[in-house]
């Protein structure tokens, strides 16, 4: 149990060699492109809203579903 308490202390005191300016530059570079094609799609978070819009516009529905942990995608 003591080991679990020491791990956050280790990381809290470690700088990993990045300055504030380097971090800000890296952060800016890793942001997704705001003009990316997938951002132009009018995504719906409600299946009922999507179904109503699809019926109104005569278009199909694409559903993306997954099960499991979002970082493991089991």
PDB file of N, CA and C in Angstrom:
ATOM      1  N   UNK A   1       0.816  -1.193   0.000  1.00  0.00           N
ATOM      2  CA  UNK A   1       0.000   0.000   0.000  1.00  0.00           C
ATOM      3  C   UNK A   1       0.864   1.263   0.000  1.00  0.00           C
ATOM      4  N   UNK A   2       2.001   1.229   0.647  1.00  0.00           N
ATOM      5  CA  UNK A   2       2.875   2.394   0.691  1.00  0.00           C
ATOM      6  C   UNK A   2       3.429   2.723  -0.691  1.00  0.00           C
ATOM      7  N   UNK A   3       3.677   1.721  -1.501  1.00  0.00           N
ATOM      8  CA  UNK A   3       4.193   1.939  -2.848  1.00  0.00           C
ATOM      9  C   UNK A   3       3.212   2.756  -3.684  1.00  0.00           C
ATOM     10  N   UNK A   4       1.924   2.477  -3.556  1.00  0.00           N
ATOM     11  CA  UNK A   4       0.910   3.208  -4.311  1.00  0.00           C
ATOM     12  C   UNK A   4       0.901   4.681  -3.951  1.00  0.00           C
ATOM     13  N   UNK A   5       1.224   5.001  -2.720  1.00  0.00           N
ATOM     14  CA  UNK A   5       1.242   6.395  -2.308  1.00  0.00           C
ATOM     15  C   UNK A   5       2.488   7.118  -2.803  1.00  0.00           C
ATOM     16  N   UNK A   6       3.572   6.401  -3.029  1.00  0.00           N
ATOM     17  CA  UNK A   6       4.815   7.015  -3.476  1.00  0.00           C
ATOM     18  C   UNK A   6       4.826   7.307  -4.969  1.00  0.00           C
ATOM     19  N   UNK A   7       4.086   6.554  -5.749  1.00  0.00           N
ATOM     20  CA  UNK A   7       4.091   6.742  -7.205  1.00  0.00           C
ATOM     21  C   UNK A   7       3.598   8.145  -7.593  1.00  0.00           C
ATOM     22  N   UNK A   8       2.455   8.633  -7.084  1.00  0.00           N
ATOM     23  CA  UNK A   8       2.052  10.002  -7.442  1.00  0.00           C
ATOM     24  C   UNK A   8       3.078  11.043  -6.991  1.00  0.00           C
ATOM     25  N   UNK A   9       3.732  10.824  -5.852  1.00  0.00           N
ATOM     26  CA  UNK A   9       4.746  11.765  -5.384  1.00  0.00           C
ATOM     27  C   UNK A   9       5.918  11.818  -6.355  1.00  0.00           C
ATOM     28  N   UNK A  10       6.317  10.671  -6.875  1.00  0.00           N
ATOM     29  CA  UNK A  10       7.430  10.619  -7.829  1.00  0.00           C
ATOM     30  C   UNK A  10       7.095  11.431  -9.076  1.00  0.00           C
ATOM     31  N   UNK A  11       5.906  11.222  -9.637  1.00  0.00           N
ATOM     32  CA  UNK A  11       5.540  11.922 -10.862  1.00  0.00           C
ATOM     33  C   UNK A  11       5.272  13.404 -10.617  1.00  0.00           C
ATOM     34  N   UNK A  12       4.795  13.746  -9.443  1.00  0.00           N
ATOM     35  CA  UNK A  12       4.548  15.151  -9.131  1.00  0.00           C
ATOM     36  C   UNK A  12       5.852  15.933  -9.058  1.00  0.00           C
ATOM     37  N   UNK A  13       6.937  15.288  -8.679  1.00  0.00           N
ATOM     38  CA  UNK A  13       8.213  15.970  -8.519  1.00  0.00           C
ATOM     39  C   UNK A  13       9.105  15.839  -9.762  1.00  0.00           C
ATOM     40  N   UNK A  14       8.687  15.084 -10.766  1.00  0.00           N
ATOM     41  CA  UNK A  14       9.485  14.880 -11.969  1.00  0.00           C
ATOM     42  C   UNK A  14       9.082  15.901 -13.027  1.00  0.00           C
ATOM     43  N   UNK A  15      10.042  16.538 -13.678  1.00  0.00           N
ATOM     44  CA  UNK A  15       9.737  17.561 -14.670  1.00  0.00           C
ATOM     45  C   UNK A  15       9.726  17.019 -16.088  1.00  0.00           C
ATOM     46  N   UNK A  16      10.345  15.880 -16.347  1.00  0.00           N
ATOM     47  CA  UNK A  16      10.411  15.255 -17.672  1.00  0.00           C
ATOM     48  C   UNK A  16      11.125  16.126 -18.693  1.00  0.00           C
ATOM     49  N   UNK A  17      11.813  17.176 -18.280  1.00  0.00           N
ATOM     50  CA  UNK A  17      12.653  17.956 -19.174  1.00  0.00           C
ATOM     51  C   UNK A  17      11.934  18.906 -20.114  1.00  0.00           C
ATOM     52  N   UNK A  18      10.666  19.217 -19.911  1.00  0.00           N
ATOM     53  CA  UNK A  18       9.956  20.167 -20.768  1.00  0.00           C
ATOM     54  C   UNK A  18       9.845  21.522 -20.079  1.00  0.00           C
ATOM     55  N   UNK A  19      10.193  22.564 -20.807  1.00  0.00           N
ATOM     56  CA  UNK A  19       9.954  23.906 -20.282  1.00  0.00           C
ATOM     57  C   UNK A  19       8.503  24.278 -20.592  1.00  0.00           C
ATOM     58  N   UNK A  20       8.043  25.350 -20.001  1.00  0.00           N
ATOM     59  CA  UNK A  20       6.678  25.813 -20.269  1.00  0.00           C
ATOM     60  C   UNK A  20       6.504  26.153 -21.755  1.00  0.00           C
ATOM     61  N   UNK A  21       7.494  26.796 -22.342  1.00  0.00           N
ATOM     62  CA  UNK A  21       7.420  27.160 -23.759  1.00  0.00           C
ATOM     63  C   UNK A  21       7.386  25.924 -24.654  1.00  0.00           C
ATOM     64  N   UNK A  22       8.201  24.916 -24.322  1.00  0.00           N
ATOM     65  CA  UNK A  22       8.209  23.673 -25.108  1.00  0.00           C
ATOM     66  C   UNK A  22       6.866  22.963 -24.993  1.00  0.00           C
ATOM     67  N   UNK A  23       6.310  22.952 -23.793  1.00  0.00           N
ATOM     68  CA  UNK A  23       5.002  22.328 -23.604  1.00  0.00           C
ATOM     69  C   UNK A  23       3.938  23.041 -24.432  1.00  0.00           C
ATOM     70  N   UNK A  24       3.914  24.373 -24.375  1.00  0.00           N
ATOM     71  CA  UNK A  24       2.912  25.136 -25.129  1.00  0.00           C
ATOM     72  C   UNK A  24       3.041  24.884 -26.633  1.00  0.00           C
ATOM     73  N   UNK A  25       4.280  24.836 -27.136  1.00  0.00           N
ATOM     74  CA  UNK A  25       4.510  24.566 -28.559  1.00  0.00           C
ATOM     75  C   UNK A  25       4.012  23.175 -28.934  1.00  0.00           C
ATOM     76  N   UNK A  26       4.345  22.181 -28.138  1.00  0.00           N
ATOM     77  CA  UNK A  26       3.908  20.813 -28.387  1.00  0.00           C
ATOM     78  C   UNK A  26       2.392  20.700 -28.311  1.00  0.00           C
ATOM     79  N   UNK A  27       1.798  21.361 -27.350  1.00  0.00           N
ATOM     80  CA  UNK A  27       0.343  21.344 -27.198  1.00  0.00           C
ATOM     81  C   UNK A  27      -0.343  21.911 -28.435  1.00  0.00           C
ATOM     82  N   UNK A  28       0.167  23.033 -28.947  1.00  0.00           N
ATOM     83  CA  UNK A  28      -0.398  23.636 -30.170  1.00  0.00           C
ATOM     84  C   UNK A  28      -0.271  22.692 -31.369  1.00  0.00           C
ATOM     85  N   UNK A  29       0.875  22.044 -31.495  1.00  0.00           N
ATOM     86  CA  UNK A  29       1.118  21.151 -32.631  1.00  0.00           C
ATOM     87  C   UNK A  29       0.247  19.902 -32.595  1.00  0.00           C
ATOM     88  N   UNK A  30      -0.180  19.481 -31.417  1.00  0.00           N
ATOM     89  CA  UNK A  30      -0.960  18.249 -31.295  1.00  0.00           C
ATOM     90  C   UNK A  30      -2.472  18.465 -31.385  1.00  0.00           C
ATOM     91  N   UNK A  31      -2.906  19.691 -31.555  1.00  0.00           N
ATOM     92  CA  UNK A  31      -4.335  19.965 -31.679  1.00  0.00           C
ATOM     93  C   UNK A  31      -4.829  19.503 -33.046  1.00  0.00           C
ATOM     94  N   UNK A  32      -6.038  18.908 -33.102  1.00  0.00           N
ATOM     95  CA  UNK A  32      -6.565  18.461 -34.404  1.00  0.00           C
ATOM     96  C   UNK A  32      -6.863  19.661 -35.307  1.00  0.00           C
ATOM     97  N   UNK A  33      -6.786  19.424 -36.590  1.00  0.00           N
ATOM     98  CA  UNK A  33      -7.056  20.459 -37.587  1.00  0.00           C
ATOM     99  C   UNK A  33      -8.526  20.867 -37.503  1.00  0.00           C
ATOM    100  N   UNK A  34      -8.816  22.152 -37.233  1.00  0.00           N
ATOM    101  CA  UNK A  34     -10.222  22.572 -37.134  1.00  0.00           C
ATOM    102  C   UNK A  34     -10.967  22.474 -38.461  1.00  0.00           C
ATOM    103  N   UNK A  35     -10.240  22.356 -39.579  1.00  0.00           N
ATOM    104  CA  UNK A  35     -10.881  22.241 -40.890  1.00  0.00           C
ATOM    105  C   UNK A  35     -10.947  20.795 -41.381  1.00  0.00           C
ATOM    106  N   UNK A  36     -10.663  19.830 -40.497  1.00  0.00           N
ATOM    107  CA  UNK A  36     -10.701  18.422 -40.876  1.00  0.00           C
ATOM    108  C   UNK A  36     -12.110  18.045 -41.343  1.00  0.00           C
ATOM    109  N   UNK A  37     -12.189  17.187 -42.343  1.00  0.00           N
ATOM    110  CA  UNK A  37     -13.463  16.824 -42.957  1.00  0.00           C
ATOM    111  C   UNK A  37     -14.467  16.275 -41.945  1.00  0.00           C
ATOM    112  N   UNK A  38     -14.002  15.447 -41.008  1.00  0.00           N
ATOM    113  CA  UNK A  38     -14.941  14.843 -40.057  1.00  0.00           C
ATOM    114  C   UNK A  38     -15.605  15.880 -39.164  1.00  0.00           C
ATOM    115  N   UNK A  39     -15.000  17.070 -39.046  1.00  0.00           N
ATOM    116  CA  UNK A  39     -15.609  18.122 -38.221  1.00  0.00           C
ATOM    117  C   UNK A  39     -16.779  18.790 -38.944  1.00  0.00           C
ATOM    118  N   UNK A  40     -16.904  18.606 -40.255  1.00  0.00           N
ATOM    119  CA  UNK A  40     -17.986  19.233 -41.009  1.00  0.00           C
ATOM    120  C   UNK A  40     -19.262  18.387 -40.996  1.00  0.00           C
ATOM    121  N   UNK A  41     -19.174  17.167 -40.496  1.00  0.00           N
ATOM    122  CA  UNK A  41     -20.342  16.276 -40.451  1.00  0.00           C
ATOM    123  C   UNK A  41     -21.231  16.679 -39.266  1.00  0.00           C
ATOM    124  N   UNK A  42     -22.534  16.854 -39.491  1.00  0.00           N
ATOM    125  CA  UNK A  42     -23.426  17.230 -38.390  1.00  0.00           C
ATOM    126  C   UNK A  42     -23.762  16.018 -37.506  1.00  0.00           C
ATOM    127  N   UNK A  43     -22.792  15.588 -36.699  1.00  0.00           N
ATOM    128  CA  UNK A  43     -22.976  14.409 -35.843  1.00  0.00           C
ATOM    129  C   UNK A  43     -24.130  14.609 -34.869  1.00  0.00           C
ATOM    130  N   UNK A  44     -24.850  13.545 -34.599  1.00  0.00           N
ATOM    131  CA  UNK A  44     -25.935  13.550 -33.608  1.00  0.00           C
ATOM    132  C   UNK A  44     -25.531  12.638 -32.457  1.00  0.00           C
ATOM    133  N   UNK A  45     -25.869  13.025 -31.257  1.00  0.00           N
ATOM    134  CA  UNK A  45     -25.584  12.181 -30.098  1.00  0.00           C
ATOM    135  C   UNK A  45     -26.824  11.422 -29.642  1.00  0.00           C
ATOM    136  N   UNK A  46     -27.947  11.715 -30.253  1.00  0.00           N
ATOM    137  CA  UNK A  46     -29.196  11.034 -29.931  1.00  0.00           C
ATOM    138  C   UNK A  46     -29.647  10.226 -31.149  1.00  0.00           C
ATOM    139  N   UNK A  47     -29.900   8.941 -30.957  1.00  0.00           N
ATOM    140  CA  UNK A  47     -30.374   8.090 -32.056  1.00  0.00           C
ATOM    141  C   UNK A  47     -31.739   8.572 -32.539  1.00  0.00           C
ATOM    142  N   UNK A  48     -32.588   9.017 -31.616  1.00  0.00           N
ATOM    143  CA  UNK A  48     -33.918   9.493 -32.008  1.00  0.00           C
ATOM    144  C   UNK A  48     -33.832  10.759 -32.858  1.00  0.00           C
ATOM    145  N   UNK A  49     -32.934  11.685 -32.498  1.00  0.00           N
ATOM    146  CA  UNK A  49     -32.738  12.888 -33.312  1.00  0.00           C
ATOM    147  C   UNK A  49     -32.196  12.524 -34.694  1.00  0.00           C
ATOM    148  N   UNK A  50     -31.253  11.581 -34.729  1.00  0.00           N
ATOM    149  CA  UNK A  50     -30.681  11.138 -36.005  1.00  0.00           C
ATOM    150  C   UNK A  50     -31.742  10.472 -36.871  1.00  0.00           C
ATOM    151  N   UNK A  51     -32.583   9.661 -36.250  1.00  0.00           N
ATOM    152  CA  UNK A  51     -33.645   8.971 -36.995  1.00  0.00           C
ATOM    153  C   UNK A  51     -34.626   9.979 -37.583  1.00  0.00           C
ATOM    154  N   UNK A  52     -34.993  10.979 -36.814  1.00  0.00           N
ATOM    155  CA  UNK A  52     -35.929  11.995 -37.303  1.00  0.00           C
ATOM    156  C   UNK A  52     -35.304  12.791 -38.455  1.00  0.00           C
ATOM    157  N   UNK A  53     -34.030  13.180 -38.305  1.00  0.00           N
ATOM    158  CA  UNK A  53     -33.346  13.940 -39.365  1.00  0.00           C
ATOM    159  C   UNK A  53     -33.197  13.090 -40.623  1.00  0.00           C
ATOM    160  N   UNK A  54     -32.872  11.816 -40.466  1.00  0.00           N
ATOM    161  CA  UNK A  54     -32.713  10.921 -41.620  1.00  0.00           C
ATOM    162  C   UNK A  54     -34.036  10.739 -42.352  1.00  0.00           C
ATOM    163  N   UNK A  55     -35.115  10.589 -41.606  1.00  0.00           N
ATOM    164  CA  UNK A  55     -36.441  10.421 -42.229  1.00  0.00           C
ATOM    165  C   UNK A  55     -36.839  11.697 -42.966  1.00  0.00           C
ATOM    166  N   UNK A  56     -36.561  12.841 -42.354  1.00  0.00           N
ATOM    167  CA  UNK A  56     -36.901  14.129 -42.954  1.00  0.00           C
ATOM    168  C   UNK A  56     -36.126  14.370 -44.257  1.00  0.00           C
ATOM    169  N   UNK A  57     -34.839  13.985 -44.255  1.00  0.00           N
ATOM    170  CA  UNK A  57     -33.969  14.269 -45.394  1.00  0.00           C
ATOM    171  C   UNK A  57     -33.828  13.096 -46.367  1.00  0.00           C
ATOM    172  N   UNK A  58     -34.436  11.951 -46.031  1.00  0.00           N
ATOM    173  CA  UNK A  58     -34.346  10.781 -46.892  1.00  0.00           C
ATOM    174  C   UNK A  58     -32.933  10.222 -46.986  1.00  0.00           C
ATOM    175  N   UNK A  59     -32.201  10.253 -45.862  1.00  0.00           N
ATOM    176  CA  UNK A  59     -30.817   9.778 -45.842  1.00  0.00           C
ATOM    177  C   UNK A  59     -30.682   8.610 -44.875  1.00  0.00           C
ATOM    178  N   UNK A  60     -29.661   7.782 -45.057  1.00  0.00           N
ATOM    179  CA  UNK A  60     -29.436   6.664 -44.132  1.00  0.00           C
ATOM    180  C   UNK A  60     -28.767   7.157 -42.837  1.00  0.00           C
ATOM    181  N   UNK A  61     -28.748   6.277 -41.847  1.00  0.00           N
ATOM    182  CA  UNK A  61     -28.097   6.574 -40.565  1.00  0.00           C
ATOM    183  C   UNK A  61     -26.836   5.720 -40.464  1.00  0.00           C
ATOM    184  N   UNK A  62     -25.734   6.337 -40.071  1.00  0.00           N
ATOM    185  CA  UNK A  62     -24.494   5.611 -39.789  1.00  0.00           C
ATOM    186  C   UNK A  62     -24.310   5.627 -38.280  1.00  0.00           C
ATOM    187  N   UNK A  63     -24.247   4.447 -37.679  1.00  0.00           N
ATOM    188  CA  UNK A  63     -24.082   4.350 -36.226  1.00  0.00           C
ATOM    189  C   UNK A  63     -22.710   3.778 -35.926  1.00  0.00           C
ATOM    190  N   UNK A  64     -21.962   4.482 -35.101  1.00  0.00           N
ATOM    191  CA  UNK A  64     -20.654   4.014 -34.643  1.00  0.00           C
ATOM    192  C   UNK A  64     -20.845   3.595 -33.197  1.00  0.00           C
ATOM    193  N   UNK A  65     -20.646   2.324 -32.922  1.00  0.00           N
ATOM    194  CA  UNK A  65     -20.837   1.814 -31.560  1.00  0.00           C
ATOM    195  C   UNK A  65     -19.654   0.942 -31.180  1.00  0.00           C
ATOM    196  N   UNK A  66     -19.320   0.942 -29.902  1.00  0.00           N
ATOM    197  CA  UNK A  66     -18.252   0.087 -29.410  1.00  0.00           C
ATOM    198  C   UNK A  66     -18.595  -0.382 -28.009  1.00  0.00           C
ATOM    199  N   UNK A  67     -17.930  -1.414 -27.597  1.00  0.00           N
ATOM    200  CA  UNK A  67     -18.164  -1.959 -26.268  1.00  0.00           C
ATOM    201  C   UNK A  67     -16.805  -2.138 -25.604  1.00  0.00           C
ATOM    202  N   UNK A  68     -16.742  -1.877 -24.343  1.00  0.00           N
ATOM    203  CA  UNK A  68     -15.502  -2.075 -23.614  1.00  0.00           C
ATOM    204  C   UNK A  68     -14.873  -0.770 -23.207  1.00  0.00           C
ATOM    205  N   UNK A  69     -13.664  -0.850 -22.729  1.00  0.00           N
ATOM    206  CA  UNK A  69     -12.939   0.317 -22.253  1.00  0.00           C
ATOM    207  C   UNK A  69     -12.549   1.199 -23.431  1.00  0.00           C
ATOM    208  N   UNK A  70     -12.762   2.521 -23.344  1.00  0.00           N
ATOM    209  CA  UNK A  70     -12.472   3.386 -24.488  1.00  0.00           C
ATOM    210  C   UNK A  70     -11.000   3.408 -24.885  1.00  0.00           C
ATOM    211  N   UNK A  71     -10.087   3.070 -23.982  1.00  0.00           N
ATOM    212  CA  UNK A  71      -8.676   3.051 -24.341  1.00  0.00           C
ATOM    213  C   UNK A  71      -8.220   1.676 -24.810  1.00  0.00           C
ATOM    214  N   UNK A  72      -9.056   0.646 -24.583  1.00  0.00           N
ATOM    215  CA  UNK A  72      -8.677  -0.698 -24.996  1.00  0.00           C
ATOM    216  C   UNK A  72      -9.515  -1.210 -26.133  1.00  0.00           C
ATOM    217  N   UNK A  73     -10.706  -0.662 -26.316  1.00  0.00           N
ATOM    218  CA  UNK A  73     -11.632  -1.036 -27.385  1.00  0.00           C
ATOM    219  C   UNK A  73     -11.709  -2.559 -27.525  1.00  0.00           C
ATOM    220  N   UNK A  74     -12.171  -3.217 -26.481  1.00  0.00           N
ATOM    221  CA  UNK A  74     -12.239  -4.677 -26.456  1.00  0.00           C
ATOM    222  C   UNK A  74     -13.377  -5.210 -27.286  1.00  0.00           C
TER     223      UNK A  74
END
